[in-house]
Amino acid sequence: MMASLSEIFDGVKSRFSAQAAAGLDLVFQFDIEDGDTCHLVVKDSRCSLVEGARADANVTLIMNAQTLQAVVNGRLDAMQAFMQGKLRAEGDMLLAPKLSQLFPAAS
């Protein structure tokens, strides 16, 4: 069974790097093709996950739940997912790699 978006992000929050988020004010939107839409607000060294879409998202990442889970768990690099056509981005695509800095893979 596939984990819900909130369960996926709950697992990732423990890896959040407040240091990497210092000075940032960004919105990453996740449009999950076989699930829900939510957005991650990164501001002042904090992050919060909010359900629903946001018109002013800096970047929107479009993928299915399985790809999201693989990316956030570090099993699939976001750039590889993009190159394989498993992930599409709208908006400022250069921000997508920033997610791996904000949520470094567990070592």
PDB file of N, CA and C in Angstrom:
ATOM      1  N   MET A   1       0.835  -1.199   0.000  1.00  0.00           N
ATOM      2  CA  MET A   1       0.000   0.000   0.000  1.00  0.00           C
ATOM      3  C   MET A   1       0.874   1.255   0.000  1.00  0.00           C
ATOM      4  N   MET A   2       0.465   2.233  -0.756  1.00  0.00           N
ATOM      5  CA  MET A   2       1.220   3.466  -0.881  1.00  0.00           C
ATOM      6  C   MET A   2       0.944   4.369   0.324  1.00  0.00           C
ATOM      7  N   ALA A   3       1.992   4.979   0.840  1.00  0.00           N
ATOM      8  CA  ALA A   3       1.849   5.896   1.965  1.00  0.00           C
ATOM      9  C   ALA A   3       1.158   7.175   1.491  1.00  0.00           C
ATOM     10  N   SER A   4       0.449   7.819   2.393  1.00  0.00           N
ATOM     11  CA  SER A   4      -0.194   9.097   2.050  1.00  0.00           C
ATOM     12  C   SER A   4       0.881  10.186   1.986  1.00  0.00           C
ATOM     13  N   LEU A   5       0.522  11.302   1.379  1.00  0.00           N
ATOM     14  CA  LEU A   5       1.471  12.409   1.275  1.00  0.00           C
ATOM     15  C   LEU A   5       1.966  12.849   2.638  1.00  0.00           C
ATOM     16  N   SER A   6       1.050  12.966   3.589  1.00  0.00           N
ATOM     17  CA  SER A   6       1.470  13.427   4.916  1.00  0.00           C
ATOM     18  C   SER A   6       2.412  12.417   5.568  1.00  0.00           C
ATOM     19  N   GLU A   7       2.171  11.119   5.361  1.00  0.00           N
ATOM     20  CA  GLU A   7       3.072  10.099   5.912  1.00  0.00           C
ATOM     21  C   GLU A   7       4.450  10.176   5.259  1.00  0.00           C
ATOM     22  N   ILE A   8       4.455  10.391   3.942  1.00  0.00           N
ATOM     23  CA  ILE A   8       5.728  10.510   3.227  1.00  0.00           C
ATOM     24  C   ILE A   8       6.520  11.691   3.780  1.00  0.00           C
ATOM     25  N   PHE A   9       5.858  12.847   3.926  1.00  0.00           N
ATOM     26  CA  PHE A   9       6.567  14.031   4.395  1.00  0.00           C
ATOM     27  C   PHE A   9       6.897  13.969   5.883  1.00  0.00           C
ATOM     28  N   ASP A  10       6.097  13.277   6.669  1.00  0.00           N
ATOM     29  CA  ASP A  10       6.439  13.103   8.080  1.00  0.00           C
ATOM     30  C   ASP A  10       7.781  12.391   8.195  1.00  0.00           C
ATOM     31  N   GLY A  11       8.009  11.419   7.337  1.00  0.00           N
ATOM     32  CA  GLY A  11       9.270  10.685   7.348  1.00  0.00           C
ATOM     33  C   GLY A  11      10.449  11.535   6.927  1.00  0.00           C
ATOM     34  N   VAL A  12      10.201  12.537   6.115  1.00  0.00           N
ATOM     35  CA  VAL A  12      11.270  13.382   5.594  1.00  0.00           C
ATOM     36  C   VAL A  12      11.579  14.548   6.526  1.00  0.00           C
ATOM     37  N   LYS A  13      10.573  15.007   7.267  1.00  0.00           N
ATOM     38  CA  LYS A  13      10.753  16.192   8.125  1.00  0.00           C
ATOM     39  C   LYS A  13      11.912  16.043   9.097  1.00  0.00           C
ATOM     40  N   SER A  14      12.149  14.826   9.560  1.00  0.00           N
ATOM     41  CA  SER A  14      13.239  14.605  10.519  1.00  0.00           C
ATOM     42  C   SER A  14      14.602  14.891   9.886  1.00  0.00           C
ATOM     43  N   ARG A  15      14.677  14.889   8.557  1.00  0.00           N
ATOM     44  CA  ARG A  15      15.942  15.155   7.858  1.00  0.00           C
ATOM     45  C   ARG A  15      16.057  16.609   7.407  1.00  0.00           C
ATOM     46  N   PHE A  16      15.061  17.421   7.728  1.00  0.00           N
ATOM     47  CA  PHE A  16      15.065  18.818   7.273  1.00  0.00           C
ATOM     48  C   PHE A  16      16.281  19.555   7.810  1.00  0.00           C
ATOM     49  N   SER A  17      16.982  20.260   6.927  1.00  0.00           N
ATOM     50  CA  SER A  17      18.156  21.040   7.312  1.00  0.00           C
ATOM     51  C   SER A  17      17.780  22.512   7.445  1.00  0.00           C
ATOM     52  N   ALA A  18      17.592  22.942   8.687  1.00  0.00           N
ATOM     53  CA  ALA A  18      17.249  24.349   8.934  1.00  0.00           C
ATOM     54  C   ALA A  18      18.367  25.260   8.446  1.00  0.00           C
ATOM     55  N   GLN A  19      19.600  24.772   8.529  1.00  0.00           N
ATOM     56  CA  GLN A  19      20.749  25.560   8.079  1.00  0.00           C
ATOM     57  C   GLN A  19      20.653  25.828   6.575  1.00  0.00           C
ATOM     58  N   ALA A  20      20.271  24.808   5.797  1.00  0.00           N
ATOM     59  CA  ALA A  20      20.146  24.973   4.345  1.00  0.00           C
ATOM     60  C   ALA A  20      18.979  25.895   3.996  1.00  0.00           C
ATOM     61  N   ALA A  21      18.001  25.994   4.895  1.00  0.00           N
ATOM     62  CA  ALA A  21      16.813  26.813   4.636  1.00  0.00           C
ATOM     63  C   ALA A  21      16.967  28.251   5.114  1.00  0.00           C
ATOM     64  N   ALA A  22      18.070  28.564   5.758  1.00  0.00           N
ATOM     65  CA  ALA A  22      18.272  29.913   6.289  1.00  0.00           C
ATOM     66  C   ALA A  22      18.160  30.946   5.174  1.00  0.00           C
ATOM     67  N   GLY A  23      17.310  31.936   5.379  1.00  0.00           N
ATOM     68  CA  GLY A  23      17.167  33.012   4.418  1.00  0.00           C
ATOM     69  C   GLY A  23      16.267  32.695   3.228  1.00  0.00           C
ATOM     70  N   LEU A  24      15.748  31.486   3.148  1.00  0.00           N
ATOM     71  CA  LEU A  24      14.892  31.111   2.021  1.00  0.00           C
ATOM     72  C   LEU A  24      13.437  31.469   2.291  1.00  0.00           C
ATOM     73  N   ASP A  25      12.727  31.735   1.236  1.00  0.00           N
ATOM     74  CA  ASP A  25      11.282  31.965   1.298  1.00  0.00           C
ATOM     75  C   ASP A  25      10.724  31.370   0.007  1.00  0.00           C
ATOM     76  N   LEU A  26      10.460  30.064   0.031  1.00  0.00           N
ATOM     77  CA  LEU A  26      10.091  29.329  -1.178  1.00  0.00           C
ATOM     78  C   LEU A  26       8.862  28.469  -0.949  1.00  0.00           C
ATOM     79  N   VAL A  27       8.144  28.217  -2.037  1.00  0.00           N
ATOM     80  CA  VAL A  27       7.014  27.291  -1.996  1.00  0.00           C
ATOM     81  C   VAL A  27       7.230  26.235  -3.069  1.00  0.00           C
ATOM     82  N   PHE A  28       7.334  24.978  -2.630  1.00  0.00           N
ATOM     83  CA  PHE A  28       7.443  23.830  -3.530  1.00  0.00           C
ATOM     84  C   PHE A  28       6.076  23.159  -3.560  1.00  0.00           C
ATOM     85  N   GLN A  29       5.464  23.112  -4.728  1.00  0.00           N
ATOM     86  CA  GLN A  29       4.162  22.449  -4.833  1.00  0.00           C
ATOM     87  C   GLN A  29       4.355  21.047  -5.398  1.00  0.00           C
ATOM     88  N   PHE A  30       3.616  20.109  -4.848  1.00  0.00           N
ATOM     89  CA  PHE A  30       3.661  18.721  -5.303  1.00  0.00           C
ATOM     90  C   PHE A  30       2.288  18.359  -5.843  1.00  0.00           C
ATOM     91  N   ASP A  31       2.236  18.095  -7.136  1.00  0.00           N
ATOM     92  CA  ASP A  31       0.994  17.701  -7.795  1.00  0.00           C
ATOM     93  C   ASP A  31       1.122  16.200  -8.062  1.00  0.00           C
ATOM     94  N   ILE A  32       0.507  15.414  -7.210  1.00  0.00           N
ATOM     95  CA  ILE A  32       0.646  13.959  -7.292  1.00  0.00           C
ATOM     96  C   ILE A  32      -0.477  13.422  -8.171  1.00  0.00           C
ATOM     97  N   GLU A  33      -0.080  12.849  -9.313  1.00  0.00           N
ATOM     98  CA  GLU A  33      -1.045  12.441 -10.335  1.00  0.00           C
ATOM     99  C   GLU A  33      -2.076  11.443  -9.822  1.00  0.00           C
ATOM    100  N   ASP A  34      -1.643  10.529  -8.963  1.00  0.00           N
ATOM    101  CA  ASP A  34      -2.568   9.518  -8.442  1.00  0.00           C
ATOM    102  C   ASP A  34      -2.896   9.783  -6.973  1.00  0.00           C
ATOM    103  N   GLY A  35      -2.804  11.058  -6.602  1.00  0.00           N
ATOM    104  CA  GLY A  35      -3.066  11.421  -5.205  1.00  0.00           C
ATOM    105  C   GLY A  35      -3.515  12.858  -5.103  1.00  0.00           C
ATOM    106  N   ASP A  36      -3.023  13.552  -4.120  1.00  0.00           N
ATOM    107  CA  ASP A  36      -3.456  14.908  -3.818  1.00  0.00           C
ATOM    108  C   ASP A  36      -2.417  15.933  -4.262  1.00  0.00           C
ATOM    109  N   THR A  37      -2.781  17.173  -4.110  1.00  0.00           N
ATOM    110  CA  THR A  37      -1.852  18.280  -4.328  1.00  0.00           C
ATOM    111  C   THR A  37      -1.586  18.916  -2.972  1.00  0.00           C
ATOM    112  N   CYS A  38      -0.334  19.218  -2.726  1.00  0.00           N
ATOM    113  CA  CYS A  38       0.029  19.914  -1.493  1.00  0.00           C
ATOM    114  C   CYS A  38       1.218  20.797  -1.797  1.00  0.00           C
ATOM    115  N   HIS A  39       1.552  21.647  -0.857  1.00  0.00           N
ATOM    116  CA  HIS A  39       2.731  22.481  -1.050  1.00  0.00           C
ATOM    117  C   HIS A  39       3.543  22.562   0.240  1.00  0.00           C
ATOM    118  N   LEU A  40       4.830  22.671   0.041  1.00  0.00           N
ATOM    119  CA  LEU A  40       5.788  22.744   1.131  1.00  0.00           C
ATOM    120  C   LEU A  40       6.286  24.181   1.197  1.00  0.00           C
ATOM    121  N   VAL A  41       6.040  24.830   2.334  1.00  0.00           N
ATOM    122  CA  VAL A  41       6.478  26.209   2.524  1.00  0.00           C
ATOM    123  C   VAL A  41       7.787  26.171   3.308  1.00  0.00           C
ATOM    124  N   VAL A  42       8.831  26.732   2.720  1.00  0.00           N
ATOM    125  CA  VAL A  42      10.139  26.802   3.380  1.00  0.00           C
ATOM    126  C   VAL A  42      10.427  28.278   3.611  1.00  0.00           C
ATOM    127  N   LYS A  43      10.464  28.664   4.887  1.00  0.00           N
ATOM    128  CA  LYS A  43      10.657  30.081   5.217  1.00  0.00           C
ATOM    129  C   LYS A  43      11.320  30.203   6.577  1.00  0.00           C
ATOM    130  N   ASP A  44      12.311  31.072   6.651  1.00  0.00           N
ATOM    131  CA  ASP A  44      12.975  31.370   7.926  1.00  0.00           C
ATOM    132  C   ASP A  44      13.430  30.099   8.655  1.00  0.00           C
ATOM    133  N   SER A  45      14.112  29.229   7.930  1.00  0.00           N
ATOM    134  CA  SER A  45      14.685  27.993   8.502  1.00  0.00           C
ATOM    135  C   SER A  45      13.627  27.019   9.027  1.00  0.00           C
ATOM    136  N   ARG A  46      12.385  27.145   8.548  1.00  0.00           N
ATOM    137  CA  ARG A  46      11.325  26.210   8.941  1.00  0.00           C
ATOM    138  C   ARG A  46      10.625  25.699   7.696  1.00  0.00           C
ATOM    139  N   CYS A  47       9.936  24.567   7.834  1.00  0.00           N
ATOM    140  CA  CYS A  47       9.143  24.064   6.717  1.00  0.00           C
ATOM    141  C   CYS A  47       7.806  23.573   7.247  1.00  0.00           C
ATOM    142  N   SER A  48       6.791  23.714   6.408  1.00  0.00           N
ATOM    143  CA  SER A  48       5.480  23.189   6.767  1.00  0.00           C
ATOM    144  C   SER A  48       4.798  22.691   5.504  1.00  0.00           C
ATOM    145  N   LEU A  49       4.070  21.603   5.650  1.00  0.00           N
ATOM    146  CA  LEU A  49       3.339  21.007   4.542  1.00  0.00           C
ATOM    147  C   LEU A  49       1.875  21.409   4.661  1.00  0.00           C
ATOM    148  N   VAL A  50       1.328  21.923   3.566  1.00  0.00           N
ATOM    149  CA  VAL A  50      -0.046  22.404   3.562  1.00  0.00           C
ATOM    150  C   VAL A  50      -0.791  21.714   2.429  1.00  0.00           C
ATOM    151  N   GLU A  51      -1.996  21.235   2.721  1.00  0.00           N
ATOM    152  CA  GLU A  51      -2.788  20.587   1.679  1.00  0.00           C
ATOM    153  C   GLU A  51      -3.299  21.603   0.686  1.00  0.00           C
ATOM    154  N   GLY A  52      -3.478  21.162  -0.561  1.00  0.00           N
ATOM    155  CA  GLY A  52      -4.039  22.014  -1.597  1.00  0.00           C
ATOM    156  C   GLY A  52      -2.980  22.715  -2.425  1.00  0.00           C
ATOM    157  N   ALA A  53      -3.469  23.411  -3.458  1.00  0.00           N
ATOM    158  CA  ALA A  53      -2.582  24.114  -4.382  1.00  0.00           C
ATOM    159  C   ALA A  53      -2.347  25.546  -3.904  1.00  0.00           C
ATOM    160  N   ARG A  54      -1.305  26.139  -4.431  1.00  0.00           N
ATOM    161  CA  ARG A  54      -1.008  27.538  -4.113  1.00  0.00           C
ATOM    162  C   ARG A  54      -0.573  28.229  -5.405  1.00  0.00           C
ATOM    163  N   ALA A  55      -1.256  29.297  -5.758  1.00  0.00           N
ATOM    164  CA  ALA A  55      -1.033  29.974  -7.039  1.00  0.00           C
ATOM    165  C   ALA A  55       0.375  30.544  -7.169  1.00  0.00           C
ATOM    166  N   ASP A  56       0.998  30.915  -6.046  1.00  0.00           N
ATOM    167  CA  ASP A  56       2.309  31.567  -6.110  1.00  0.00           C
ATOM    168  C   ASP A  56       3.462  30.610  -5.823  1.00  0.00           C
ATOM    169  N   ALA A  57       3.256  29.309  -6.066  1.00  0.00           N
ATOM    170  CA  ALA A  57       4.344  28.343  -5.853  1.00  0.00           C
ATOM    171  C   ALA A  57       5.533  28.703  -6.742  1.00  0.00           C
ATOM    172  N   ASN A  58       6.744  28.596  -6.193  1.00  0.00           N
ATOM    173  CA  ASN A  58       7.944  28.886  -6.977  1.00  0.00           C
ATOM    174  C   ASN A  58       8.191  27.800  -8.023  1.00  0.00           C
ATOM    175  N   VAL A  59       7.916  26.566  -7.640  1.00  0.00           N
ATOM    176  CA  VAL A  59       8.072  25.442  -8.566  1.00  0.00           C
ATOM    177  C   VAL A  59       7.015  24.396  -8.229  1.00  0.00           C
ATOM    178  N   THR A  60       6.444  23.782  -9.263  1.00  0.00           N
ATOM    179  CA  THR A  60       5.483  22.700  -9.079  1.00  0.00           C
ATOM    180  C   THR A  60       6.086  21.433  -9.658  1.00  0.00           C
ATOM    181  N   LEU A  61       6.156  20.402  -8.832  1.00  0.00           N
ATOM    182  CA  LEU A  61       6.700  19.114  -9.251  1.00  0.00           C
ATOM    183  C   LEU A  61       5.539  18.152  -9.451  1.00  0.00           C
ATOM    184  N   ILE A  62       5.452  17.579 -10.641  1.00  0.00           N
ATOM    185  CA  ILE A  62       4.342  16.711 -11.010  1.00  0.00           C
ATOM    186  C   ILE A  62       4.874  15.293 -11.180  1.00  0.00           C
ATOM    187  N   MET A  63       4.319  14.361 -10.412  1.00  0.00           N
ATOM    188  CA  MET A  63       4.775  12.968 -10.457  1.00  0.00           C
ATOM    189  C   MET A  63       3.724  12.101  -9.804  1.00  0.00           C
ATOM    190  N   ASN A  64       3.923  10.778  -9.854  1.00  0.00           N
ATOM    191  CA  ASN A  64       3.005   9.899  -9.127  1.00  0.00           C
ATOM    192  C   ASN A  64       3.556   9.658  -7.726  1.00  0.00           C
ATOM    193  N   ALA A  65       2.737   9.069  -6.880  1.00  0.00           N
ATOM    194  CA  ALA A  65       3.114   8.874  -5.469  1.00  0.00           C
ATOM    195  C   ALA A  65       4.335   7.973  -5.325  1.00  0.00           C
ATOM    196  N   GLN A  66       4.449   6.967  -6.176  1.00  0.00           N
ATOM    197  CA  GLN A  66       5.590   6.045  -6.102  1.00  0.00           C
ATOM    198  C   GLN A  66       6.901   6.782  -6.374  1.00  0.00           C
ATOM    199  N   THR A  67       6.899   7.668  -7.375  1.00  0.00           N
ATOM    200  CA  THR A  67       8.099   8.451  -7.689  1.00  0.00           C
ATOM    201  C   THR A  67       8.426   9.402  -6.544  1.00  0.00           C
ATOM    202  N   LEU A  68       7.408  10.055  -5.994  1.00  0.00           N
ATOM    203  CA  LEU A  68       7.631  10.955  -4.858  1.00  0.00           C
ATOM    204  C   LEU A  68       8.291  10.213  -3.710  1.00  0.00           C
ATOM    205  N   GLN A  69       7.766   9.046  -3.406  1.00  0.00           N
ATOM    206  CA  GLN A  69       8.304   8.280  -2.288  1.00  0.00           C
ATOM    207  C   GLN A  69       9.766   7.895  -2.545  1.00  0.00           C
ATOM    208  N   ALA A  70      10.083   7.486  -3.771  1.00  0.00           N
ATOM    209  CA  ALA A  70      11.456   7.113  -4.109  1.00  0.00           C
ATOM    210  C   ALA A  70      12.397   8.312  -4.027  1.00  0.00           C
ATOM    211  N   VAL A  71      11.927   9.482  -4.472  1.00  0.00           N
ATOM    212  CA  VAL A  71      12.761  10.683  -4.442  1.00  0.00           C
ATOM    213  C   VAL A  71      13.014  11.127  -3.003  1.00  0.00           C
ATOM    214  N   VAL A  72      11.945  11.218  -2.190  1.00  0.00           N
ATOM    215  CA  VAL A  72      12.141  11.717  -0.823  1.00  0.00           C
ATOM    216  C   VAL A  72      12.895  10.723   0.058  1.00  0.00           C
ATOM    217  N   ASN A  73      12.855   9.450  -0.288  1.00  0.00           N
ATOM    218  CA  ASN A  73      13.602   8.458   0.482  1.00  0.00           C
ATOM    219  C   ASN A  73      15.038   8.306  -0.004  1.00  0.00           C
ATOM    220  N   GLY A  74      15.403   9.057  -1.049  1.00  0.00           N
ATOM    221  CA  GLY A  74      16.766   9.024  -1.546  1.00  0.00           C
ATOM    222  C   GLY A  74      17.069   7.834  -2.444  1.00  0.00           C
ATOM    223  N   ARG A  75      16.052   7.064  -2.818  1.00  0.00           N
ATOM    224  CA  ARG A  75      16.280   5.913  -3.706  1.00  0.00           C
ATOM    225  C   ARG A  75      16.344   6.326  -5.168  1.00  0.00           C
ATOM    226  N   LEU A  76      15.823   7.520  -5.475  1.00  0.00           N
ATOM    227  CA  LEU A  76      15.815   8.025  -6.847  1.00  0.00           C
ATOM    228  C   LEU A  76      16.158   9.502  -6.808  1.00  0.00           C
ATOM    229  N   ASP A  77      17.163   9.886  -7.563  1.00  0.00           N
ATOM    230  CA  ASP A  77      17.560  11.279  -7.656  1.00  0.00           C
ATOM    231  C   ASP A  77      16.510  12.042  -8.463  1.00  0.00           C
ATOM    232  N   ALA A  78      16.144  13.222  -8.016  1.00  0.00           N
ATOM    233  CA  ALA A  78      15.107  14.006  -8.698  1.00  0.00           C
ATOM    234  C   ALA A  78      15.488  14.273 -10.155  1.00  0.00           C
ATOM    235  N   MET A  79      16.775  14.529 -10.409  1.00  0.00           N
ATOM    236  CA  MET A  79      17.212  14.791 -11.783  1.00  0.00           C
ATOM    237  C   MET A  79      17.064  13.537 -12.643  1.00  0.00           C
ATOM    238  N   GLN A  80      17.387  12.361 -12.057  1.00  0.00           N
ATOM    239  CA  GLN A  80      17.202  11.105 -12.787  1.00  0.00           C
ATOM    240  C   GLN A  80      15.727  10.894 -13.098  1.00  0.00           C
ATOM    241  N   ALA A  81      14.856  11.152 -12.125  1.00  0.00           N
ATOM    242  CA  ALA A  81      13.414  10.991 -12.325  1.00  0.00           C
ATOM    243  C   ALA A  81      12.945  11.907 -13.454  1.00  0.00           C
ATOM    244  N   PHE A  82      13.490  13.122 -13.486  1.00  0.00           N
ATOM    245  CA  PHE A  82      13.139  14.078 -14.526  1.00  0.00           C
ATOM    246  C   PHE A  82      13.588  13.556 -15.894  1.00  0.00           C
ATOM    247  N   MET A  83      14.822  13.069 -15.967  1.00  0.00           N
ATOM    248  CA  MET A  83      15.374  12.569 -17.231  1.00  0.00           C
ATOM    249  C   MET A  83      14.622  11.333 -17.722  1.00  0.00           C
ATOM    250  N   GLN A  84      14.095  10.548 -16.786  1.00  0.00           N
ATOM    251  CA  GLN A  84      13.350   9.332 -17.142  1.00  0.00           C
ATOM    252  C   GLN A  84      11.885   9.630 -17.448  1.00  0.00           C
ATOM    253  N   GLY A  85      11.491  10.892 -17.333  1.00  0.00           N
ATOM    254  CA  GLY A  85      10.118  11.267 -17.617  1.00  0.00           C
ATOM    255  C   GLY A  85       9.141  10.942 -16.498  1.00  0.00           C
ATOM    256  N   LYS A  86       9.666  10.606 -15.321  1.00  0.00           N
ATOM    257  CA  LYS A  86       8.804  10.275 -14.178  1.00  0.00           C
ATOM    258  C   LYS A  86       8.403  11.509 -13.388  1.00  0.00           C
ATOM    259  N   LEU A  87       9.079  12.616 -13.644  1.00  0.00           N
ATOM    260  CA  LEU A  87       8.838  13.856 -12.905  1.00  0.00           C
ATOM    261  C   LEU A  87       8.849  15.008 -13.896  1.00  0.00           C
ATOM    262  N   ARG A  88       7.852  15.875 -13.784  1.00  0.00           N
ATOM    263  CA  ARG A  88       7.817  17.094 -14.590  1.00  0.00           C
ATOM    264  C   ARG A  88       7.838  18.274 -13.630  1.00  0.00           C
ATOM    265  N   ALA A  89       8.402  19.367 -14.090  1.00  0.00           N
ATOM    266  CA  ALA A  89       8.468  20.562 -13.250  1.00  0.00           C
ATOM    267  C   ALA A  89       7.923  21.750 -14.014  1.00  0.00           C
ATOM    268  N   GLU A  90       7.185  22.592 -13.308  1.00  0.00           N
ATOM    269  CA  GLU A  90       6.685  23.843 -13.868  1.00  0.00           C
ATOM    270  C   GLU A  90       7.129  24.965 -12.955  1.00  0.00           C
ATOM    271  N   GLY A  91       7.473  26.086 -13.545  1.00  0.00           N
ATOM    272  CA  GLY A  91       7.963  27.202 -12.739  1.00  0.00           C
ATOM    273  C   GLY A  91       9.484  27.214 -12.760  1.00  0.00           C
ATOM    274  N   ASP A  92      10.089  27.576 -11.652  1.00  0.00           N
ATOM    275  CA  ASP A  92      11.547  27.693 -11.559  1.00  0.00           C
ATOM    276  C   ASP A  92      12.167  26.309 -11.339  1.00  0.00           C
ATOM    277  N   MET A  93      12.490  25.642 -12.452  1.00  0.00           N
ATOM    278  CA  MET A  93      13.018  24.273 -12.376  1.00  0.00           C
ATOM    279  C   MET A  93      14.357  24.204 -11.654  1.00  0.00           C
ATOM    280  N   LEU A  94      15.075  25.302 -11.610  1.00  0.00           N
ATOM    281  CA  LEU A  94      16.382  25.301 -10.952  1.00  0.00           C
ATOM    282  C   LEU A  94      16.250  25.124  -9.437  1.00  0.00           C
ATOM    283  N   LEU A  95      15.047  25.289  -8.910  1.00  0.00           N
ATOM    284  CA  LEU A  95      14.841  25.126  -7.469  1.00  0.00           C
ATOM    285  C   LEU A  95      14.697  23.646  -7.080  1.00  0.00           C
ATOM    286  N   ALA A  96      14.318  22.805  -8.022  1.00  0.00           N
ATOM    287  CA  ALA A  96      14.069  21.395  -7.701  1.00  0.00           C
ATOM    288  C   ALA A  96      15.258  20.737  -6.997  1.00  0.00           C
ATOM    289  N   PRO A  97      16.508  20.930  -7.474  1.00  0.00           N
ATOM    290  CA  PRO A  97      17.640  20.297  -6.776  1.00  0.00           C
ATOM    291  C   PRO A  97      17.827  20.797  -5.347  1.00  0.00           C
ATOM    292  N   LYS A  98      17.278  21.972  -5.033  1.00  0.00           N
ATOM    293  CA  LYS A  98      17.400  22.527  -3.682  1.00  0.00           C
ATOM    294  C   LYS A  98      16.748  21.617  -2.644  1.00  0.00           C
ATOM    295  N   LEU A  99      15.750  20.836  -3.089  1.00  0.00           N
ATOM    296  CA  LEU A  99      15.088  19.930  -2.151  1.00  0.00           C
ATOM    297  C   LEU A  99      16.069  18.945  -1.533  1.00  0.00           C
ATOM    298  N   SER A 100      17.035  18.464  -2.323  1.00  0.00           N
ATOM    299  CA  SER A 100      17.992  17.502  -1.763  1.00  0.00           C
ATOM    300  C   SER A 100      18.935  18.159  -0.761  1.00  0.00           C
ATOM    301  N   GLN A 101      19.111  19.484  -0.870  1.00  0.00           N
ATOM    302  CA  GLN A 101      19.916  20.212   0.131  1.00  0.00           C
ATOM    303  C   GLN A 101      19.094  20.428   1.393  1.00  0.00           C
ATOM    304  N   LEU A 102      17.798  20.704   1.208  1.00  0.00           N
ATOM    305  CA  LEU A 102      16.922  20.953   2.358  1.00  0.00           C
ATOM    306  C   LEU A 102      16.623  19.677   3.128  1.00  0.00           C
ATOM    307  N   PHE A 103      16.558  18.562   2.406  1.00  0.00           N
ATOM    308  CA  PHE A 103      16.258  17.257   3.017  1.00  0.00           C
ATOM    309  C   PHE A 103      17.340  16.260   2.630  1.00  0.00           C
ATOM    310  N   PRO A 104      18.539  16.383   3.199  1.00  0.00           N
ATOM    311  CA  PRO A 104      19.625  15.465   2.825  1.00  0.00           C
ATOM    312  C   PRO A 104      19.253  14.023   3.142  1.00  0.00           C
ATOM    313  N   ALA A 105      19.697  13.117   2.296  1.00  0.00           N
ATOM    314  CA  ALA A 105      19.411  11.694   2.497  1.00  0.00           C
ATOM    315  C   ALA A 105      20.012  11.225   3.814  1.00  0.00           C
ATOM    316  N   ALA A 106      19.309  10.335   4.464  1.00  0.00           N
ATOM    317  CA  ALA A 106      19.814   9.771   5.715  1.00  0.00           C
ATOM    318  C   ALA A 106      21.087   9.000   5.421  1.00  0.00           C
ATOM    319  N   SER A 107      22.083   9.179   6.257  1.00  0.00           N
ATOM    320  CA  SER A 107      23.353   8.494   6.000  1.00  0.00           C
ATOM    321  C   SER A 107      23.449   7.195   6.773  1.00  0.00           C
TER     322      SER A 107
END
